[in-house]
Amino acid sequence: MPAVPVPDVLGLILAGGLSRRMGGGDKPLRLLGGRTLLDRVLARFAPQCGAGVILNANGDARRFSGFPGKIVPDGVPDHPGPLAGILAGLDHAALHHPGITHVASVSGDAPFLPPDLVARLAAVRDGDAIAVAASGTREHFTVALWPVALRADLRQALVERGERRVGAFLARHGAVPVSWPTEPHDPFANINTPEDLAAAERVLAGAERS
């Protein structure tokens, strides 16, 4: 199924985490089938985002020198988690893409994203509601479509209330889940451990044989 670009959506790949369960370093730069996870995410995600794609990453941006879009660090100190990356994306959209109303976020370690991700999330957007991807019985909190209009509330949650849980923020805003099947594999499987990476290699090998 070819990707369908949504013209008024900016894509955000989240790569600002500390990757403790992978032993540190940049998970999106780990190799899967000879290509980095980031390259695989970008190949699936970028064609869906009509306004382009940016990368949330902290530290020396030169390690992502091949990335085709802007690299946007957290604007909140001390690595408070994915909400800080999402806020950085919303702030960037408001400053540099004033005609964009929504930002679609994905994790930089999810190499099997579905080609209809952004289109299906965009199909259910309504005002300031957040649309969040789900598969099986699980919602994937960092794979979502965020209204730029929520940036002030998100900043208040992070800075004034010290909120860190993405799920709590989504629940407070009545996020709408959009579900995908988990067969033949979960399209939102992400790589948190060496075991996850080995499982992804098996999925990739099976896809290449079919």
Protein backbone atom coordinates (compact mmCIF):
# COMPACT_ATOMS: atom_id res chain seq x y z
CA MET A 1 0.00 0.00 0.00
CA PRO A 2 1.59 3.33 -1.03
CA ALA A 3 1.77 6.14 1.51
CA VAL A 4 -0.75 8.96 1.17
CA PRO A 5 0.72 12.36 2.12
CA VAL A 6 -1.38 14.62 4.35
CA PRO A 7 -0.55 18.16 3.25
CA ASP A 8 -1.09 20.07 6.49
CA VAL A 9 0.81 17.75 8.85
CA LEU A 10 4.42 18.13 9.99
CA GLY A 11 6.15 14.88 10.95
CA LEU A 12 8.20 14.57 14.16
CA ILE A 13 10.57 11.67 14.83
CA LEU A 14 11.39 11.35 18.53
CA ALA A 15 15.03 10.45 19.20
CA GLY A 16 15.75 12.42 22.37
CA GLY A 17 15.76 9.53 24.83
CA LEU A 18 18.72 8.11 26.75
CA SER A 19 18.31 4.48 25.53
CA ARG A 20 19.26 2.97 28.90
CA ARG A 21 17.84 -0.49 28.09
CA MET A 22 19.98 -0.65 24.95
CA GLY A 23 23.10 0.28 26.90
CA GLY A 24 23.02 3.97 26.03
CA GLY A 25 23.79 5.75 22.78
CA ASP A 26 21.37 6.55 19.99
CA LYS A 27 18.88 3.75 19.39
CA PRO A 28 17.78 5.20 16.03
CA LEU A 29 21.34 4.77 14.74
CA ARG A 30 21.38 1.03 15.50
CA LEU A 31 21.43 -1.15 12.41
CA LEU A 32 18.58 -3.39 11.29
CA GLY A 33 19.21 -5.35 8.12
CA GLY A 34 22.13 -3.11 7.23
CA ARG A 35 20.20 0.17 7.58
CA THR A 36 19.75 2.37 10.62
CA LEU A 37 16.43 2.30 12.42
CA LEU A 38 16.14 6.03 11.74
CA ASP A 39 16.56 5.46 8.02
CA ARG A 40 13.81 2.84 8.06
CA VAL A 41 11.47 5.08 10.08
CA LEU A 42 12.13 8.02 7.77
CA ALA A 43 11.50 5.95 4.63
CA ARG A 44 8.05 4.91 5.90
CA PHE A 45 7.04 8.12 7.66
CA ALA A 46 8.30 11.01 5.52
CA PRO A 47 6.11 10.27 2.46
CA GLN A 48 3.02 10.60 4.72
CA CYS A 49 3.83 14.12 5.98
CA GLY A 50 3.13 16.81 3.42
CA ALA A 51 4.86 19.55 5.43
CA GLY A 52 8.10 17.59 5.88
CA VAL A 53 9.72 15.83 8.82
CA ILE A 54 11.84 17.08 11.73
CA LEU A 55 13.91 15.14 14.26
CA ASN A 56 13.86 15.67 18.02
CA ALA A 57 17.37 14.88 19.30
CA ASN A 58 19.61 16.30 22.01
CA GLY A 59 23.36 16.81 22.10
CA ASP A 60 25.65 17.14 19.10
CA ALA A 61 23.41 17.24 16.02
CA ARG A 62 26.30 16.27 13.71
CA ARG A 63 25.75 12.59 14.45
CA PHE A 64 22.49 12.93 12.48
CA SER A 65 24.16 14.84 9.65
CA GLY A 66 22.40 12.79 6.97
CA PHE A 67 18.92 13.65 8.22
CA PRO A 68 17.06 15.65 5.53
CA GLY A 69 15.07 17.94 7.87
CA LYS A 70 15.63 20.19 10.87
CA ILE A 71 17.00 18.72 14.09
CA VAL A 72 15.16 20.18 17.09
CA PRO A 73 16.41 19.65 20.67
CA ASP A 74 14.27 19.66 23.81
CA GLY A 75 13.41 23.13 25.06
CA VAL A 76 12.92 21.82 28.61
CA PRO A 77 16.09 20.83 30.53
CA ASP A 78 17.11 17.56 32.23
CA HIS A 79 15.64 15.08 29.71
CA PRO A 80 12.08 14.99 31.08
CA GLY A 81 10.98 12.43 28.48
CA PRO A 82 8.91 12.22 25.29
CA LEU A 83 6.56 15.07 26.23
CA ALA A 84 9.52 17.46 25.97
CA GLY A 85 10.25 16.22 22.46
CA ILE A 86 6.63 16.62 21.47
CA LEU A 87 6.60 20.15 22.87
CA ALA A 88 9.76 20.94 20.89
CA GLY A 89 8.00 19.77 17.74
CA LEU A 90 4.88 21.83 18.44
CA ASP A 91 6.99 24.92 19.18
CA HIS A 92 8.95 24.43 15.95
CA ALA A 93 5.74 24.07 13.95
CA ALA A 94 4.27 27.25 15.46
CA LEU A 95 7.44 29.24 14.73
CA HIS A 96 8.43 27.90 11.32
CA HIS A 97 5.20 26.48 9.85
CA PRO A 98 2.43 28.90 10.89
CA GLY A 99 -0.07 27.32 8.50
CA ILE A 100 0.33 23.86 10.06
CA THR A 101 -2.30 22.87 12.61
CA HIS A 102 -1.05 19.38 13.54
CA VAL A 103 2.18 17.51 14.20
CA ALA A 104 2.37 13.72 13.83
CA SER A 105 4.89 12.07 16.15
CA VAL A 106 6.54 8.67 15.92
CA SER A 107 9.33 6.94 17.79
CA GLY A 108 12.73 6.81 16.10
CA ASP A 109 13.02 3.10 16.89
CA ALA A 110 9.81 1.80 15.26
CA PRO A 111 10.91 0.46 11.85
CA PHE A 112 7.62 -1.09 10.66
CA LEU A 113 5.23 1.90 10.70
CA PRO A 114 2.11 1.47 8.53
CA PRO A 115 1.91 3.55 5.32
CA ASP A 116 -1.57 4.83 6.23
CA LEU A 117 -0.59 6.02 9.72
CA VAL A 118 -0.90 9.78 9.28
CA ALA A 119 -3.91 9.60 6.97
CA ARG A 120 -5.90 7.49 9.41
CA LEU A 121 -4.95 9.62 12.41
CA ALA A 122 -5.85 12.77 10.48
CA ALA A 123 -9.22 11.30 9.49
CA VAL A 124 -10.45 11.39 13.11
CA ARG A 125 -9.03 14.74 14.22
CA ASP A 126 -11.58 17.06 15.71
CA GLY A 127 -10.64 20.42 17.21
CA ASP A 128 -8.03 20.01 19.94
CA ALA A 129 -8.47 16.23 20.28
CA ILE A 130 -5.35 14.08 20.00
CA ALA A 131 -5.48 10.96 17.83
CA VAL A 132 -3.28 8.12 19.09
CA ALA A 133 -2.27 4.88 17.35
CA ALA A 134 -3.20 1.53 18.88
CA SER A 135 -2.63 -2.13 18.07
CA GLY A 136 -4.04 -5.14 19.83
CA THR A 137 -5.00 -3.93 23.31
CA ARG A 138 -2.24 -1.33 23.56
CA GLU A 139 -2.14 2.37 22.78
CA HIS A 140 1.19 3.73 21.55
CA PHE A 141 1.38 7.07 23.29
CA THR A 142 4.23 8.57 21.28
CA VAL A 143 2.64 7.67 17.93
CA ALA A 144 -0.02 10.33 17.72
CA LEU A 145 -1.36 13.41 15.97
CA TRP A 146 -1.05 16.53 18.13
CA PRO A 147 -2.82 19.87 17.60
CA VAL A 148 -0.29 22.71 17.67
CA ALA A 149 -2.89 24.63 19.71
CA LEU A 150 -2.07 22.39 22.71
CA ARG A 151 1.51 23.64 23.03
CA ALA A 152 0.76 26.18 25.80
CA ASP A 153 -1.05 23.57 27.88
CA LEU A 154 1.72 21.03 27.29
CA ARG A 155 4.37 23.53 28.38
CA GLN A 156 2.37 24.26 31.53
CA ALA A 157 2.07 20.52 32.23
CA LEU A 158 5.82 19.99 31.85
CA VAL A 159 7.20 23.12 33.50
CA GLU A 160 4.62 24.09 36.11
CA ARG A 161 3.08 20.74 37.05
CA GLY A 162 6.11 18.54 36.43
CA GLU A 163 4.04 16.09 34.39
CA ARG A 164 6.10 13.39 32.66
CA ARG A 165 3.64 10.66 31.67
CA VAL A 166 2.49 10.89 28.07
CA GLY A 167 -0.52 8.67 28.82
CA ALA A 168 -1.75 11.00 31.56
CA PHE A 169 -1.63 13.98 29.22
CA LEU A 170 -3.46 12.05 26.50
CA ALA A 171 -6.14 10.91 28.94
CA ARG A 172 -6.71 14.44 30.20
CA HIS A 173 -7.33 15.58 26.63
CA GLY A 174 -9.60 12.66 25.69
CA ALA A 175 -7.30 11.15 23.08
CA VAL A 176 -9.05 9.16 20.35
CA PRO A 177 -7.44 5.75 19.62
CA VAL A 178 -7.10 4.50 16.05
CA SER A 179 -6.35 0.78 15.84
CA TRP A 180 -4.23 -1.36 13.48
CA PRO A 181 -4.00 -5.18 13.37
CA THR A 182 -0.99 -6.95 14.89
CA GLU A 183 -0.74 -9.58 12.14
CA PRO A 184 1.50 -10.51 10.43
CA HIS A 185 3.44 -8.29 12.88
CA ASP A 186 2.79 -5.30 15.08
CA PRO A 187 3.45 -2.19 12.95
CA PHE A 188 4.35 -0.21 16.08
CA ALA A 189 6.87 -2.66 17.52
CA ASN A 190 9.80 -0.62 18.77
CA ILE A 191 13.34 -1.51 19.72
CA ASN A 192 14.07 -1.12 23.43
CA THR A 193 16.42 -4.05 24.07
CA PRO A 194 18.87 -6.26 22.15
CA GLU A 195 16.15 -8.94 22.21
CA ASP A 196 13.75 -6.55 20.48
CA LEU A 197 16.36 -5.90 17.80
CA ALA A 198 16.79 -9.64 17.23
CA ALA A 199 13.00 -10.05 16.94
CA ALA A 200 12.87 -7.21 14.39
CA GLU A 201 15.58 -8.95 12.36
CA ARG A 202 13.36 -12.04 12.24
CA VAL A 203 10.35 -9.98 11.11
CA LEU A 204 12.44 -8.33 8.42
CA ALA A 205 13.78 -11.67 7.21
CA GLY A 206 10.25 -13.07 7.00
CA ALA A 207 9.01 -10.03 5.04
CA GLU A 208 11.86 -10.33 2.57
CA ARG A 209 11.11 -14.03 1.96
CA SER A 210 7.39 -13.45 1.35
